[in-house]
Amino acid sequence: MKCATALSTKSQSKAAFQEVQEKLDAVLEGDCADLTVMFCSPHHGDDLGRMAATLLEQGKTRHVLGCTGESIVGEDREVEGAAALSAWAIELPGVTLEPIRLGEPGESAFSWAEGLEDPTRCALLLLADPFSFRTDEFLAGLFQGARGLRVIGGMASGSQVPRGNQLVLDGKAFHDGAVAMRLGGQLSLRTVVSQGCRPIGHTMIVTRAEHNIIHELGRRPALEALRQVFEALAPEDQRKVQDGLFVGRAINEYQESFRRGDFLVRNVIGADESGSIQIADKIRVGQTVQFHVRDAETATEDLRQNLLFEQAKGSARPKGALLFTCNGRGTRLFDRADHDVRLIHELYGAIPVAGFFAMGEIGPIGGQNFLHGYTASLAVFDQVD
């Protein structure tokens, strides 16, 4: 089971593609990969479809998935805001692969999932255009029709305007919708989703709410409940609250206790004189919530703990990983470059890693798939003997 990653920072597409091909060939030694995933900066966007088609025509791979991103991950680097082309190729013996082109979420968007005998044994790699694909609606539909199916991926970020991104599925390129690859069969894949946050205070029950507005927590005005949490914090955590506050909504509100990772974290986006707070998510009465903070130190700690937690689950041997990290991370958040990929290599060894900085990251929390922000979402492929 071979896996390889290749990165080129050459600005000319032909030269970059040639360099990437040569690096992949050196590891694969002429073998045909089952899946190649490609990411490129806008410098190479117009040529991404042609590159994918060439790999197929030359018999280098059986399937290709890819998209454009503002910043690109490959080998041991995160190339931010500069020309980059990254490719990641893997042999997947015993694994079935199904390429899927998705348009608007609707009944036809889930037809491929109808025949899945056991969705929990499958995974979906999903790359979507943020301007034309309703990812939240799609993930909600999958939860109803294919519960247990893990979805990992991200929203293309190579352009800030509609139809400016490139999505690639096998030999074809698209400017809208989404592309995906379903993996099944003898699949050994783990998911790691680090939201980069830490809970503060204690859990509370929403006792009055409307749409995205929390009016009361524990029958008190939400701001009053927040003030009580804030006053009990150490000065360092109080500063973090002032820099940015988040609310975590418990995925399974019937748990007896909660830990980091049991919450879907969303921004607090406002407050009003009535004592209510607004969050970037819908909320309802009866849900369990807890305030969270996020900063560089917390984000590092959270990713490290999540990687170690997955590593401790069994004797799996990581062979390679795909990384979908937020475009608000990197040197925008951390004081050094290549933060996420370096931490992966520190804990999992020098496995092949590729990915991009996304405009929204996709991954499962508490058995349900969500679109996140400021998150590092990974698909870790384990060695299959």
Protein backbone atom coordinates (compact mmCIF):
# COMPACT_ATOMS: atom_id res chain seq x y z
CA MET A 1 0.00 0.00 0.00
CA LYS A 2 1.88 3.02 -1.29
CA CYS A 3 1.05 6.65 -0.61
CA ALA A 4 2.87 9.72 -1.91
CA THR A 5 2.64 13.49 -1.77
CA ALA A 6 4.26 16.00 -4.11
CA LEU A 7 4.46 19.78 -4.00
CA SER A 8 5.70 22.33 -6.52
CA THR A 9 5.92 26.07 -5.99
CA LYS A 10 6.78 26.85 -9.59
CA SER A 11 4.51 29.51 -11.07
CA GLN A 12 4.40 28.04 -14.58
CA SER A 13 1.78 25.28 -14.72
CA LYS A 14 3.59 22.96 -17.11
CA ALA A 15 6.78 23.03 -15.06
CA ALA A 16 4.88 22.60 -11.78
CA PHE A 17 2.96 19.61 -13.12
CA GLN A 18 6.12 17.98 -14.41
CA GLU A 19 7.81 18.37 -11.03
CA VAL A 20 4.83 16.89 -9.22
CA GLN A 21 4.66 13.94 -11.65
CA GLU A 22 8.33 13.14 -11.16
CA LYS A 23 8.00 13.16 -7.37
CA LEU A 24 4.96 10.88 -7.43
CA ASP A 25 6.60 8.49 -9.89
CA ALA A 26 9.65 8.17 -7.63
CA VAL A 27 7.49 6.83 -4.79
CA LEU A 28 4.89 4.86 -6.74
CA GLU A 29 7.58 3.28 -8.94
CA GLY A 30 5.35 2.98 -11.97
CA ASP A 31 2.36 1.54 -10.10
CA CYS A 32 -1.09 2.97 -10.79
CA ALA A 33 -2.64 4.79 -7.83
CA ASP A 34 -6.29 4.13 -7.06
CA LEU A 35 -6.92 7.76 -6.08
CA THR A 36 -5.06 11.00 -6.68
CA VAL A 37 -6.20 14.21 -4.99
CA MET A 38 -4.96 17.53 -6.40
CA PHE A 39 -5.02 21.05 -4.99
CA CYS A 40 -3.69 24.18 -6.63
CA SER A 41 -3.51 27.93 -6.11
CA PRO A 42 -5.35 30.19 -8.58
CA HIS A 43 -2.14 30.39 -10.63
CA HIS A 44 -2.81 26.88 -11.96
CA GLY A 45 -6.61 26.82 -11.79
CA ASP A 46 -7.27 26.96 -15.53
CA ASP A 47 -4.97 23.96 -16.07
CA LEU A 48 -6.18 21.75 -13.22
CA GLY A 49 -8.67 19.82 -15.35
CA ARG A 50 -6.07 19.18 -18.03
CA MET A 51 -3.58 17.94 -15.45
CA ALA A 52 -6.12 15.51 -14.01
CA ALA A 53 -7.00 14.21 -17.48
CA THR A 54 -3.31 13.68 -18.26
CA LEU A 55 -2.79 11.54 -15.16
CA LEU A 56 -5.72 9.36 -16.20
CA GLU A 57 -4.60 9.10 -19.82
CA GLN A 58 -1.09 8.09 -18.80
CA GLY A 59 -2.40 5.37 -16.50
CA LYS A 60 -0.96 7.03 -13.40
CA THR A 61 -4.22 6.81 -11.46
CA ARG A 62 -7.75 5.41 -11.66
CA HIS A 63 -9.53 8.42 -10.17
CA VAL A 64 -8.78 12.11 -9.55
CA LEU A 65 -10.44 14.57 -7.21
CA GLY A 66 -9.36 18.17 -6.71
CA CYS A 67 -10.03 21.89 -6.39
CA THR A 68 -8.47 25.34 -6.17
CA GLY A 69 -7.49 26.92 -2.87
CA GLU A 70 -6.06 30.23 -1.76
CA SER A 71 -3.26 28.39 0.10
CA ILE A 72 -2.01 24.86 -0.51
CA VAL A 73 -0.67 22.07 1.70
CA GLY A 74 1.82 19.52 0.43
CA GLU A 75 4.75 17.49 1.73
CA ASP A 76 5.79 19.34 4.92
CA ARG A 77 4.66 22.82 3.90
CA GLU A 78 1.67 25.13 3.92
CA VAL A 79 2.19 27.53 1.00
CA GLU A 80 0.16 30.65 1.76
CA GLY A 81 -0.88 33.11 -0.92
CA ALA A 82 1.71 31.98 -3.48
CA ALA A 83 1.84 29.68 -6.50
CA ALA A 84 1.55 26.03 -5.51
CA LEU A 85 0.44 22.70 -6.93
CA SER A 86 0.01 19.72 -4.64
CA ALA A 87 -0.88 16.12 -5.44
CA TRP A 88 -1.49 13.16 -3.13
CA ALA A 89 -1.76 9.63 -4.49
CA ILE A 90 -2.60 6.38 -2.73
CA GLU A 91 -3.11 2.70 -3.46
CA LEU A 92 -6.24 1.39 -1.78
CA PRO A 93 -6.38 -2.41 -2.09
CA GLY A 94 -9.85 -3.78 -1.49
CA VAL A 95 -11.44 -0.33 -1.45
CA THR A 96 -14.25 0.57 -3.85
CA LEU A 97 -14.33 4.09 -5.28
CA GLU A 98 -17.29 5.86 -6.84
CA PRO A 99 -16.92 9.35 -8.38
CA ILE A 100 -19.96 11.57 -7.73
CA ARG A 101 -20.89 14.88 -9.36
CA LEU A 102 -23.33 16.95 -7.31
CA GLY A 103 -25.44 19.92 -8.32
CA GLU A 104 -28.21 21.45 -6.24
CA PRO A 105 -29.15 19.37 -3.17
CA GLY A 106 -32.35 17.51 -3.96
CA GLU A 107 -33.62 13.96 -4.29
CA SER A 108 -31.18 13.20 -7.12
CA ALA A 109 -28.26 14.35 -4.94
CA PHE A 110 -28.70 11.29 -2.73
CA SER A 111 -29.49 8.60 -5.31
CA TRP A 112 -25.94 7.21 -5.06
CA ALA A 113 -26.46 6.58 -1.33
CA GLU A 114 -29.64 4.52 -1.67
CA GLY A 115 -27.83 1.23 -2.21
CA LEU A 116 -25.37 1.54 0.69
CA GLU A 117 -25.74 -1.54 2.88
CA ASP A 118 -23.78 -0.05 5.79
CA PRO A 119 -23.03 3.69 5.56
CA THR A 120 -20.85 3.48 8.68
CA ARG A 121 -18.28 1.49 6.70
CA CYS A 122 -18.05 4.14 3.99
CA ALA A 123 -16.69 7.67 3.70
CA LEU A 124 -17.20 10.55 1.31
CA LEU A 125 -14.47 12.98 0.27
CA LEU A 126 -16.33 16.16 -0.69
CA LEU A 127 -15.09 19.35 -2.36
CA ALA A 128 -17.67 22.06 -2.99
CA ASP A 129 -18.02 25.55 -4.42
CA PRO A 130 -19.10 27.95 -1.64
CA PHE A 131 -21.19 30.13 -3.96
CA SER A 132 -23.38 27.49 -5.60
CA PHE A 133 -23.61 24.44 -3.33
CA ARG A 134 -25.76 24.36 -0.19
CA THR A 135 -23.47 22.19 1.87
CA ASP A 136 -25.42 22.41 5.14
CA GLU A 137 -28.59 21.24 3.38
CA PHE A 138 -26.72 18.40 1.69
CA LEU A 139 -25.17 17.18 4.95
CA ALA A 140 -28.55 17.33 6.69
CA GLY A 141 -30.06 15.21 3.92
CA LEU A 142 -27.28 12.65 4.25
CA PHE A 143 -27.90 12.42 7.99
CA GLN A 144 -31.46 11.39 7.28
CA GLY A 145 -30.77 9.03 4.38
CA ALA A 146 -27.30 7.62 5.09
CA ARG A 147 -26.75 8.03 8.83
CA GLY A 148 -23.24 7.11 9.91
CA LEU A 149 -21.58 7.99 6.61
CA ARG A 150 -18.51 10.12 7.34
CA VAL A 151 -17.95 13.16 5.15
CA ILE A 152 -14.58 14.91 5.04
CA GLY A 153 -13.58 17.82 2.81
CA GLY A 154 -13.78 21.53 2.30
CA MET A 155 -15.12 24.48 0.35
CA ALA A 156 -12.95 25.66 -2.54
CA SER A 157 -11.25 28.96 -1.76
CA GLY A 158 -9.30 29.85 -4.89
CA SER A 159 -11.69 32.64 -5.86
CA GLN A 160 -13.89 35.15 -4.07
CA VAL A 161 -16.44 35.39 -6.90
CA PRO A 162 -19.03 32.94 -8.28
CA ARG A 163 -17.76 30.53 -10.96
CA GLY A 164 -14.20 31.50 -10.14
CA ASN A 165 -13.25 28.20 -8.49
CA GLN A 166 -12.25 25.00 -10.24
CA LEU A 167 -13.47 21.58 -9.13
CA VAL A 168 -12.06 18.44 -10.72
CA LEU A 169 -13.56 14.96 -10.88
CA ASP A 170 -11.57 12.45 -12.88
CA GLY A 171 -10.87 14.19 -16.21
CA LYS A 172 -13.54 16.89 -16.03
CA ALA A 173 -13.48 20.38 -14.51
CA PHE A 174 -16.44 22.31 -13.10
CA HIS A 175 -17.05 25.85 -11.85
CA ASP A 176 -19.99 25.13 -9.55
CA GLY A 177 -21.73 22.51 -7.44
CA ALA A 178 -19.60 19.86 -5.79
CA VAL A 179 -17.49 16.82 -6.58
CA ALA A 180 -17.03 13.81 -4.37
CA MET A 181 -15.51 10.37 -4.12
CA ARG A 182 -17.28 7.64 -2.17
CA LEU A 183 -14.97 5.10 -0.57
CA GLY A 184 -16.17 1.72 0.64
CA GLY A 185 -15.12 -1.92 0.88
CA GLN A 186 -12.04 -2.68 2.95
CA LEU A 187 -11.59 0.92 4.03
CA SER A 188 -9.41 1.79 7.01
CA LEU A 189 -9.92 5.51 7.53
CA ARG A 190 -10.09 7.70 10.64
CA THR A 191 -11.39 11.24 10.87
CA VAL A 192 -9.96 13.99 13.05
CA VAL A 193 -11.88 17.25 13.49
CA SER A 194 -10.23 19.96 15.58
CA GLN A 195 -12.43 23.02 16.09
CA GLY A 196 -9.59 24.79 17.88
CA CYS A 197 -11.69 25.76 20.90
CA ARG A 198 -11.79 25.09 24.62
CA PRO A 199 -14.93 25.16 26.80
CA ILE A 200 -15.08 27.63 29.69
CA GLY A 201 -17.46 27.77 32.62
CA HIS A 202 -20.09 25.05 32.74
CA THR A 203 -22.86 23.64 30.58
CA MET A 204 -26.25 25.38 30.56
CA ILE A 205 -29.69 24.62 29.18
CA VAL A 206 -31.34 26.98 26.70
CA THR A 207 -34.67 27.92 28.28
CA ARG A 208 -35.83 30.57 25.79
CA ALA A 209 -34.70 30.98 22.19
CA GLU A 210 -35.80 32.08 18.76
CA HIS A 211 -34.06 31.21 15.48
CA ASN A 212 -30.40 32.10 16.19
CA ILE A 213 -31.10 34.17 19.31
CA ILE A 214 -30.57 32.81 22.82
CA HIS A 215 -32.79 34.81 25.17
CA GLU A 216 -32.34 32.77 28.35
CA LEU A 217 -29.88 30.23 29.76
CA GLY A 218 -31.06 28.41 32.87
CA ARG A 219 -34.05 30.83 33.04
CA ARG A 220 -31.73 33.83 33.27
CA PRO A 221 -30.96 36.38 30.56
CA ALA A 222 -28.17 34.96 28.42
CA LEU A 223 -25.89 37.95 29.03
CA GLU A 224 -26.34 37.59 32.77
CA ALA A 225 -25.32 33.93 32.55
CA LEU A 226 -22.30 34.91 30.45
CA ARG A 227 -21.32 37.62 32.92
CA GLN A 228 -21.31 35.10 35.75
CA VAL A 229 -19.05 32.77 33.73
CA PHE A 230 -16.76 35.66 32.79
CA GLU A 231 -16.31 36.89 36.37
CA ALA A 232 -15.21 33.42 37.53
CA LEU A 233 -12.48 33.13 34.86
CA ALA A 234 -8.79 33.73 35.30
CA PRO A 235 -7.56 37.04 33.80
CA GLU A 236 -5.94 35.21 30.87
CA ASP A 237 -9.23 33.56 29.88
CA GLN A 238 -11.10 36.84 30.35
CA ARG A 239 -8.79 38.36 27.73
CA LYS A 240 -9.56 35.48 25.38
CA VAL A 241 -13.30 36.09 25.80
CA GLN A 242 -12.77 39.74 24.91
CA ASP A 243 -10.83 38.73 21.77
CA GLY A 244 -13.62 36.43 20.57
CA LEU A 245 -16.42 34.38 22.12
CA PHE A 246 -18.03 31.18 20.88
CA VAL A 247 -20.91 28.93 21.88
CA GLY A 248 -20.70 25.17 21.70
CA ARG A 249 -23.96 23.30 21.15
CA ALA A 250 -23.88 19.74 22.49
CA ILE A 251 -24.39 17.23 19.70
CA ASN A 252 -25.90 14.66 22.07
CA GLU A 253 -27.67 16.60 24.80
CA TYR A 254 -28.58 13.39 26.66
CA GLN A 255 -25.00 12.70 27.73
CA GLU A 256 -24.35 12.77 31.46
CA SER A 257 -21.08 14.67 31.02
CA PHE A 258 -19.36 16.53 28.21
CA ARG A 259 -15.77 16.90 27.03
CA ARG A 260 -13.96 18.87 24.39
CA GLY A 261 -15.19 17.64 21.01
CA ASP A 262 -18.76 16.95 22.14
CA PHE A 263 -19.88 20.39 20.92
CA LEU A 264 -20.54 22.01 17.58
CA VAL A 265 -18.84 25.39 17.98
CA ARG A 266 -20.32 28.56 16.46
CA ASN A 267 -19.48 32.28 16.69
CA VAL A 268 -21.27 34.66 19.02
CA ILE A 269 -22.13 37.45 16.57
CA GLY A 270 -23.96 39.98 18.74
CA ALA A 271 -25.95 40.94 21.82
CA ASP A 272 -28.69 43.42 22.66
CA GLU A 273 -29.98 45.45 25.60
CA SER A 274 -32.59 42.84 26.48
CA GLY A 275 -29.82 40.47 27.56
CA SER A 276 -30.04 38.17 24.55
CA ILE A 277 -27.13 36.97 22.41
CA GLN A 278 -27.05 36.01 18.74
CA ILE A 279 -25.02 33.09 17.39
CA ALA A 280 -24.15 31.86 13.91
CA ASP A 281 -26.47 28.86 14.10
CA LYS A 282 -30.07 27.98 14.81
CA ILE A 283 -30.83 27.17 18.42
CA ARG A 284 -33.82 25.73 20.24
CA VAL A 285 -35.13 25.41 23.77
CA GLY A 286 -33.79 22.42 25.67
CA GLN A 287 -30.40 22.28 24.01
CA THR A 288 -27.24 22.10 26.10
CA VAL A 289 -24.62 24.78 25.41
CA GLN A 290 -21.32 25.94 26.82
CA PHE A 291 -19.24 29.02 26.08
CA HIS A 292 -15.87 28.48 24.35
CA VAL A 293 -12.72 30.47 23.64
CA ARG A 294 -10.23 30.16 20.80
CA ASP A 295 -6.69 31.42 20.23
CA ALA A 296 -3.44 30.10 18.80
CA GLU A 297 -2.44 28.27 21.96
CA THR A 298 -5.87 26.70 22.36
CA ALA A 299 -5.99 25.71 18.68
CA THR A 300 -2.61 23.98 18.98
CA GLU A 301 -3.65 22.18 22.14
CA ASP A 302 -6.97 21.09 20.62
CA LEU A 303 -5.41 19.68 17.44
CA ARG A 304 -2.75 17.87 19.43
CA GLN A 305 -5.30 16.31 21.80
CA ASN A 306 -7.57 15.23 18.94
CA LEU A 307 -4.70 13.64 17.02
CA LEU A 308 -3.51 11.80 20.14
CA PHE A 309 -7.05 10.71 21.00
CA GLU A 310 -7.48 9.08 17.58
CA GLN A 311 -4.02 7.56 17.75
CA ALA A 312 -4.80 5.94 21.11
CA LYS A 313 -7.94 4.20 19.87
CA GLY A 314 -6.11 1.18 18.47
CA SER A 315 -3.05 -0.17 16.73
CA ALA A 316 -3.73 1.54 13.39
CA ARG A 317 -0.69 2.70 11.42
CA PRO A 318 -1.22 6.02 9.58
CA LYS A 319 -0.18 5.77 5.93
CA GLY A 320 -1.23 9.22 4.67
CA ALA A 321 -3.61 12.08 5.39
CA LEU A 322 -5.67 14.74 3.66
CA LEU A 323 -5.88 18.05 5.53
CA PHE A 324 -8.66 20.61 5.12
CA THR A 325 -7.75 23.58 7.28
CA CYS A 326 -9.44 26.96 7.59
CA ASN A 327 -8.13 29.94 5.67
CA GLY A 328 -8.23 31.76 9.01
CA ARG A 329 -5.53 29.47 10.40
CA GLY A 330 -1.95 29.33 9.11
CA THR A 331 0.11 32.44 9.86
CA ARG A 332 -3.13 34.41 10.30
CA LEU A 333 -3.52 32.57 13.62
CA PHE A 334 -0.19 30.99 14.53
CA ASP A 335 3.21 32.60 14.98
CA ARG A 336 4.94 30.13 12.67
CA ALA A 337 4.30 28.75 9.19
CA ASP A 338 3.28 25.15 8.43
CA HIS A 339 1.67 24.75 11.85
CA ASP A 340 -0.93 22.05 11.19
CA VAL A 341 1.15 19.84 8.90
CA ARG A 342 4.13 20.04 11.28
CA LEU A 343 1.98 18.89 14.19
CA ILE A 344 0.63 15.97 12.14
CA HIS A 345 4.18 14.90 11.31
CA GLU A 346 5.30 15.33 14.91
CA LEU A 347 2.64 12.93 16.19
CA TYR A 348 2.07 10.58 13.24
CA GLY A 349 5.51 10.53 11.66
CA ALA A 350 6.47 11.83 8.21
CA ILE A 351 3.39 10.48 6.45
CA PRO A 352 2.35 11.99 3.08
CA VAL A 353 0.00 14.92 3.67
CA ALA A 354 -1.77 17.21 1.21
CA GLY A 355 -4.66 19.63 1.41
CA PHE A 356 -5.70 23.26 1.21
CA PHE A 357 -6.94 26.24 3.20
CA ALA A 358 -10.71 26.07 2.81
CA MET A 359 -13.58 28.57 2.98
CA GLY A 360 -15.32 26.13 5.31
CA GLU A 361 -14.26 22.67 6.47
CA ILE A 362 -16.38 19.52 6.50
CA GLY A 363 -16.13 16.77 9.08
CA PRO A 364 -18.08 14.68 11.60
CA ILE A 365 -18.68 15.67 15.23
CA GLY A 366 -20.62 13.32 17.48
CA GLY A 367 -21.58 11.06 14.60
CA GLN A 368 -23.01 13.84 12.43
CA ASN A 369 -21.33 15.78 9.61
CA PHE A 370 -21.14 19.57 9.72
CA LEU A 371 -19.68 22.52 7.87
CA HIS A 372 -17.23 24.24 10.22
CA GLY A 373 -15.12 27.37 10.45
CA TYR A 374 -11.59 27.85 11.87
CA THR A 375 -11.31 24.06 11.93
CA ALA A 376 -8.69 21.53 10.88
CA SER A 377 -10.44 18.48 9.44
CA LEU A 378 -8.43 15.39 8.48
CA ALA A 379 -8.95 12.09 6.74
CA VAL A 380 -6.26 9.70 7.97
CA PHE A 381 -5.75 6.57 5.87
CA ASP A 382 -4.30 3.62 7.76
CA GLN A 383 -2.06 0.84 6.46
CA VAL A 384 -3.96 -2.20 5.18
CA ASP A 385 -1.92 -5.40 5.04
